[in-house]
Amino acid sequence: MRFDIRLDGYIVNCDKDYENFMSEFIEWLESNGWGYAGMSLPVTDEEDIEAEIENMLKNEHYKKWGAFSLPDDDEEEEESE
């Protein structure tokens, strides 16, 4: 059976720059025999990612169809203590 999955969001807390991330992402896709048809853009310094994610969380389309996996800031603070 074949499945198609739509991605629409941001990669957050990534330790790679855009070019390195995309290279590894494409390598991972190809290693699984998958492809990607779409657009990717680096996030600019002018973009407010937290505000964009908040807008997505409030959007009815994403509430109904979306899945969110956000880092838990409280967890990171507890680990560093």
N, C-alpha and C. Protein backbone atom coordinates (compact mmCIF):
# COMPACT_ATOMS: atom_id res chain seq x y z
N MET A 1 0.85 -1.18 0.00
CA MET A 1 0.00 0.00 0.00
C MET A 1 0.89 1.24 0.00
N ARG A 2 0.48 2.24 -0.72
CA ARG A 2 1.24 3.48 -0.81
C ARG A 2 0.51 4.58 -0.03
N PHE A 3 1.28 5.33 0.73
CA PHE A 3 0.74 6.45 1.49
C PHE A 3 1.44 7.72 1.05
N ASP A 4 0.73 8.81 1.05
CA ASP A 4 1.31 10.13 0.83
C ASP A 4 1.11 10.93 2.11
N ILE A 5 2.10 11.71 2.47
CA ILE A 5 2.07 12.50 3.70
C ILE A 5 2.42 13.93 3.34
N ARG A 6 1.66 14.87 3.85
CA ARG A 6 1.92 16.29 3.60
C ARG A 6 2.58 16.88 4.83
N LEU A 7 3.71 17.56 4.63
CA LEU A 7 4.39 18.27 5.71
C LEU A 7 4.17 19.76 5.52
N ASP A 8 3.82 20.45 6.57
CA ASP A 8 3.60 21.89 6.50
C ASP A 8 3.95 22.47 7.86
N GLY A 9 5.14 22.95 8.01
CA GLY A 9 5.54 23.47 9.31
C GLY A 9 6.99 23.89 9.34
N TYR A 10 7.58 23.83 10.50
CA TYR A 10 8.96 24.26 10.73
C TYR A 10 9.74 23.16 11.43
N ILE A 11 11.00 23.05 11.13
CA ILE A 11 11.91 22.22 11.90
C ILE A 11 12.50 23.17 12.95
N VAL A 12 12.33 22.84 14.23
CA VAL A 12 12.81 23.73 15.29
C VAL A 12 13.95 23.06 16.06
N ASN A 13 14.76 23.89 16.67
CA ASN A 13 15.90 23.44 17.49
C ASN A 13 16.88 22.55 16.71
N CYS A 14 17.03 22.84 15.44
CA CYS A 14 17.93 22.06 14.58
C CYS A 14 19.36 22.56 14.77
N ASP A 15 20.30 21.63 14.84
CA ASP A 15 21.70 22.02 15.03
C ASP A 15 22.46 22.06 13.71
N LYS A 16 21.73 22.07 12.59
CA LYS A 16 22.34 22.13 11.26
C LYS A 16 21.86 23.37 10.54
N ASP A 17 22.71 23.92 9.66
CA ASP A 17 22.24 25.02 8.84
C ASP A 17 21.35 24.45 7.74
N TYR A 18 20.71 25.33 6.98
CA TYR A 18 19.73 24.93 5.98
C TYR A 18 20.30 23.93 4.98
N GLU A 19 21.45 24.25 4.40
CA GLU A 19 22.04 23.38 3.37
C GLU A 19 22.37 21.99 3.92
N ASN A 20 22.97 21.93 5.10
CA ASN A 20 23.30 20.64 5.70
C ASN A 20 22.05 19.85 6.07
N PHE A 21 21.06 20.54 6.62
CA PHE A 21 19.81 19.86 6.97
C PHE A 21 19.17 19.26 5.73
N MET A 22 19.05 20.06 4.66
CA MET A 22 18.40 19.58 3.44
C MET A 22 19.17 18.41 2.84
N SER A 23 20.48 18.47 2.87
CA SER A 23 21.29 17.37 2.34
C SER A 23 21.01 16.08 3.11
N GLU A 24 20.99 16.16 4.43
CA GLU A 24 20.73 14.98 5.25
C GLU A 24 19.28 14.51 5.13
N PHE A 25 18.35 15.46 5.00
CA PHE A 25 16.94 15.12 4.84
C PHE A 25 16.73 14.35 3.53
N ILE A 26 17.30 14.86 2.45
CA ILE A 26 17.18 14.20 1.14
C ILE A 26 17.84 12.83 1.18
N GLU A 27 19.01 12.74 1.81
CA GLU A 27 19.69 11.45 1.94
C GLU A 27 18.80 10.46 2.70
N TRP A 28 18.17 10.90 3.77
CA TRP A 28 17.28 10.05 4.56
C TRP A 28 16.08 9.60 3.72
N LEU A 29 15.48 10.54 2.98
CA LEU A 29 14.35 10.19 2.13
C LEU A 29 14.75 9.12 1.11
N GLU A 30 15.84 9.38 0.41
CA GLU A 30 16.29 8.46 -0.64
C GLU A 30 16.69 7.10 -0.07
N SER A 31 17.25 7.08 1.14
CA SER A 31 17.65 5.81 1.74
C SER A 31 16.43 4.93 2.06
N ASN A 32 15.26 5.55 2.15
CA ASN A 32 14.01 4.82 2.38
C ASN A 32 13.22 4.60 1.10
N GLY A 33 13.77 5.07 -0.03
CA GLY A 33 13.06 4.93 -1.30
C GLY A 33 11.92 5.92 -1.45
N TRP A 34 11.96 7.01 -0.69
CA TRP A 34 10.91 8.01 -0.72
C TRP A 34 11.36 9.22 -1.51
N GLY A 35 10.42 10.07 -1.88
CA GLY A 35 10.72 11.32 -2.56
C GLY A 35 10.01 12.46 -1.87
N TYR A 36 10.35 13.65 -2.25
CA TYR A 36 9.72 14.85 -1.69
C TYR A 36 9.38 15.79 -2.83
N ALA A 37 8.15 16.20 -2.92
CA ALA A 37 7.71 17.17 -3.91
C ALA A 37 7.16 18.35 -3.14
N GLY A 38 7.86 19.44 -3.17
CA GLY A 38 7.39 20.59 -2.42
C GLY A 38 8.44 21.67 -2.37
N MET A 39 8.30 22.49 -1.41
CA MET A 39 9.16 23.65 -1.27
C MET A 39 9.79 23.64 0.11
N SER A 40 11.00 24.11 0.19
CA SER A 40 11.65 24.31 1.49
C SER A 40 12.37 25.65 1.44
N LEU A 41 12.35 26.32 2.54
CA LEU A 41 12.98 27.64 2.62
C LEU A 41 13.73 27.77 3.93
N PRO A 42 14.88 28.43 3.91
CA PRO A 42 15.53 28.71 5.19
C PRO A 42 14.73 29.78 5.93
N VAL A 43 14.72 29.70 7.24
CA VAL A 43 14.05 30.70 8.06
C VAL A 43 14.98 31.90 8.20
N THR A 44 14.44 33.08 8.00
CA THR A 44 15.25 34.29 8.10
C THR A 44 15.23 34.84 9.52
N ASP A 45 16.18 35.69 9.82
CA ASP A 45 16.24 36.31 11.15
C ASP A 45 15.01 37.18 11.43
N GLU A 46 14.36 37.67 10.36
CA GLU A 46 13.20 38.55 10.54
C GLU A 46 11.94 37.78 10.93
N GLU A 47 11.92 36.47 10.70
CA GLU A 47 10.73 35.69 11.00
C GLU A 47 10.65 35.38 12.50
N ASP A 48 9.44 35.48 13.02
CA ASP A 48 9.18 35.16 14.42
C ASP A 48 8.56 33.77 14.46
N ILE A 49 9.40 32.75 14.61
CA ILE A 49 8.94 31.37 14.55
C ILE A 49 7.93 31.06 15.64
N GLU A 50 8.17 31.57 16.83
CA GLU A 50 7.23 31.30 17.93
C GLU A 50 5.84 31.83 17.60
N ALA A 51 5.77 33.03 17.00
CA ALA A 51 4.48 33.60 16.61
C ALA A 51 3.84 32.77 15.50
N GLU A 52 4.63 32.31 14.55
CA GLU A 52 4.10 31.48 13.47
C GLU A 52 3.53 30.17 14.02
N ILE A 53 4.23 29.55 14.92
CA ILE A 53 3.75 28.29 15.51
C ILE A 53 2.48 28.54 16.31
N GLU A 54 2.43 29.63 17.06
CA GLU A 54 1.21 29.98 17.80
C GLU A 54 0.03 30.14 16.85
N ASN A 55 0.25 30.79 15.70
CA ASN A 55 -0.82 30.95 14.70
C ASN A 55 -1.27 29.59 14.18
N MET A 56 -0.33 28.69 13.95
CA MET A 56 -0.69 27.36 13.48
C MET A 56 -1.52 26.63 14.53
N LEU A 57 -1.15 26.76 15.80
CA LEU A 57 -1.87 26.08 16.87
C LEU A 57 -3.30 26.59 17.01
N LYS A 58 -3.54 27.84 16.61
CA LYS A 58 -4.88 28.43 16.71
C LYS A 58 -5.71 28.21 15.45
N ASN A 59 -5.08 27.81 14.35
CA ASN A 59 -5.75 27.66 13.06
C ASN A 59 -6.64 26.42 13.08
N GLU A 60 -7.90 26.58 12.69
CA GLU A 60 -8.85 25.46 12.73
C GLU A 60 -8.43 24.30 11.85
N HIS A 61 -7.83 24.59 10.69
CA HIS A 61 -7.37 23.51 9.80
C HIS A 61 -6.33 22.65 10.51
N TYR A 62 -5.37 23.29 11.14
CA TYR A 62 -4.32 22.53 11.83
C TYR A 62 -4.86 21.82 13.07
N LYS A 63 -5.82 22.45 13.75
CA LYS A 63 -6.43 21.78 14.91
C LYS A 63 -7.10 20.48 14.48
N LYS A 64 -7.75 20.51 13.31
CA LYS A 64 -8.48 19.34 12.84
C LYS A 64 -7.55 18.30 12.24
N TRP A 65 -6.59 18.73 11.43
CA TRP A 65 -5.78 17.79 10.65
C TRP A 65 -4.33 17.71 11.08
N GLY A 66 -3.85 18.68 11.81
CA GLY A 66 -2.42 18.74 12.11
C GLY A 66 -2.00 17.88 13.28
N ALA A 67 -0.73 17.62 13.32
CA ALA A 67 -0.11 16.94 14.45
C ALA A 67 1.09 17.79 14.85
N PHE A 68 1.23 18.05 16.12
CA PHE A 68 2.30 18.92 16.57
C PHE A 68 3.21 18.18 17.53
N SER A 69 4.48 18.34 17.31
CA SER A 69 5.47 17.81 18.23
C SER A 69 6.42 18.95 18.54
N LEU A 70 6.14 19.64 19.63
CA LEU A 70 6.94 20.80 20.02
C LEU A 70 7.85 20.44 21.17
N PRO A 71 9.06 21.00 21.18
CA PRO A 71 9.94 20.73 22.32
C PRO A 71 9.33 21.30 23.60
N ASP A 72 9.51 20.58 24.69
CA ASP A 72 8.99 21.01 25.98
C ASP A 72 10.10 21.77 26.70
N ASP A 73 9.99 23.10 26.74
CA ASP A 73 11.02 23.94 27.37
C ASP A 73 11.20 23.60 28.84
N ASP A 74 10.12 23.23 29.53
CA ASP A 74 10.21 22.88 30.94
C ASP A 74 11.08 21.66 31.15
N GLU A 75 11.00 20.69 30.23
CA GLU A 75 11.80 19.46 30.31
C GLU A 75 13.29 19.79 30.24
N GLU A 76 13.66 20.69 29.31
CA GLU A 76 15.07 21.06 29.15
C GLU A 76 15.59 21.75 30.40
N GLU A 77 14.77 22.62 31.01
CA GLU A 77 15.21 23.31 32.22
C GLU A 77 15.42 22.32 33.35
N GLU A 78 14.54 21.32 33.49
CA GLU A 78 14.65 20.34 34.55
C GLU A 78 15.91 19.50 34.36
N GLU A 79 16.22 19.14 33.10
CA GLU A 79 17.40 18.31 32.84
C GLU A 79 18.68 19.04 33.18
N SER A 80 18.71 20.37 32.98
CA SER A 80 19.95 21.11 33.20
C SER A 80 20.17 21.43 34.68
N GLU A 81 19.16 21.20 35.52
CA GLU A 81 19.30 21.50 36.95
C GLU A 81 20.08 20.44 37.68
